[in-house]
Amino acid sequence: MSRAININAPQDHVIALCAKRKVPISAIESLPSGGTRVVMNNADDTAIVAKAYGSKVITGIAPRTPTRMGRM
């Protein structure tokens, strides 16, 4: 399992759930679709969050917003 997971939930909800379950977040960003992409420190933590969200986990590819501009 990857350390990254896409969830159909707002960013503040994901942060609260991770804090409640004592799962540290490595990186987090909002998705253009309204969901959240979150990266944990290890796959075990990712599994904990995936189990908590169940059917709200986005499967497949979720479009992301570019965070850096390419070379000009």
Protein backbone atom coordinates (compact mmCIF):
# COMPACT_ATOMS: atom_id res chain seq x y z
CA MET A 1 0.00 0.00 0.00
CA SER A 2 1.17 3.52 -0.76
CA ARG A 3 1.64 6.17 1.92
CA ALA A 4 -0.68 8.52 -0.03
CA ILE A 5 -4.46 8.27 -0.03
CA ASN A 6 -7.21 10.35 -1.63
CA ILE A 7 -10.34 10.84 0.45
CA ASN A 8 -13.73 12.32 -0.43
CA ALA A 9 -13.78 14.58 2.65
CA PRO A 10 -12.70 18.15 3.46
CA GLN A 11 -9.14 18.76 4.59
CA ASP A 12 -10.09 19.87 8.11
CA HIS A 13 -12.08 16.65 8.62
CA VAL A 14 -9.09 14.53 7.58
CA ILE A 15 -6.78 16.47 9.92
CA ALA A 16 -9.20 15.97 12.81
CA LEU A 17 -9.54 12.23 12.18
CA CYS A 18 -5.76 11.79 11.98
CA ALA A 19 -5.30 13.71 15.23
CA LYS A 20 -7.97 11.61 16.95
CA ARG A 21 -6.31 8.39 15.83
CA LYS A 22 -2.80 9.76 16.52
CA VAL A 23 -1.70 9.27 12.91
CA PRO A 24 0.98 11.78 11.85
CA ILE A 25 0.54 13.52 8.50
CA SER A 26 3.55 13.95 6.22
CA ALA A 27 1.77 16.12 3.60
CA ILE A 28 -1.78 17.19 2.84
CA GLU A 29 -3.49 19.07 0.00
CA SER A 30 -7.00 19.79 -1.22
CA LEU A 31 -8.09 18.21 -4.50
CA PRO A 32 -9.92 20.22 -7.17
CA SER A 33 -12.80 17.73 -6.90
CA GLY A 34 -13.35 18.75 -3.29
CA GLY A 35 -11.58 15.82 -1.70
CA THR A 36 -8.26 15.65 0.10
CA ARG A 37 -4.95 13.97 -0.69
CA VAL A 38 -3.05 13.04 2.44
CA VAL A 39 0.35 11.38 2.81
CA MET A 40 1.17 9.49 5.99
CA ASN A 41 4.59 8.53 7.34
CA ASN A 42 4.10 4.82 6.63
CA ALA A 43 1.72 2.35 5.01
CA ASP A 44 0.38 1.11 8.37
CA ASP A 45 -0.88 4.61 9.19
CA THR A 46 -2.42 4.85 5.73
CA ALA A 47 -4.29 1.60 6.35
CA ILE A 48 -5.71 3.00 9.61
CA VAL A 49 -7.09 6.08 7.83
CA ALA A 50 -8.37 4.05 4.86
CA LYS A 51 -10.28 1.74 7.20
CA ALA A 52 -11.75 4.72 9.06
CA TYR A 53 -13.03 6.34 5.84
CA GLY A 54 -14.16 3.13 4.13
CA SER A 55 -16.20 3.99 1.02
CA LYS A 56 -15.01 7.63 1.06
CA VAL A 57 -11.57 6.55 -0.16
CA ILE A 58 -11.17 7.66 -3.79
CA THR A 59 -9.97 4.79 -5.96
CA GLY A 60 -8.16 5.40 -9.21
CA ILE A 61 -6.53 8.63 -10.29
CA ALA A 62 -7.71 11.89 -8.72
CA PRO A 63 -6.71 15.12 -10.52
CA ARG A 64 -4.39 17.33 -8.47
CA THR A 65 -3.60 21.03 -8.56
CA PRO A 66 0.00 21.73 -9.62
CA THR A 67 2.01 23.23 -6.77
CA ARG A 68 4.97 24.44 -8.81
CA MET A 69 5.39 26.10 -12.14
CA GLY A 70 7.39 24.23 -14.76
CA ARG A 71 10.51 25.58 -16.41
CA MET A 72 9.97 28.45 -18.75
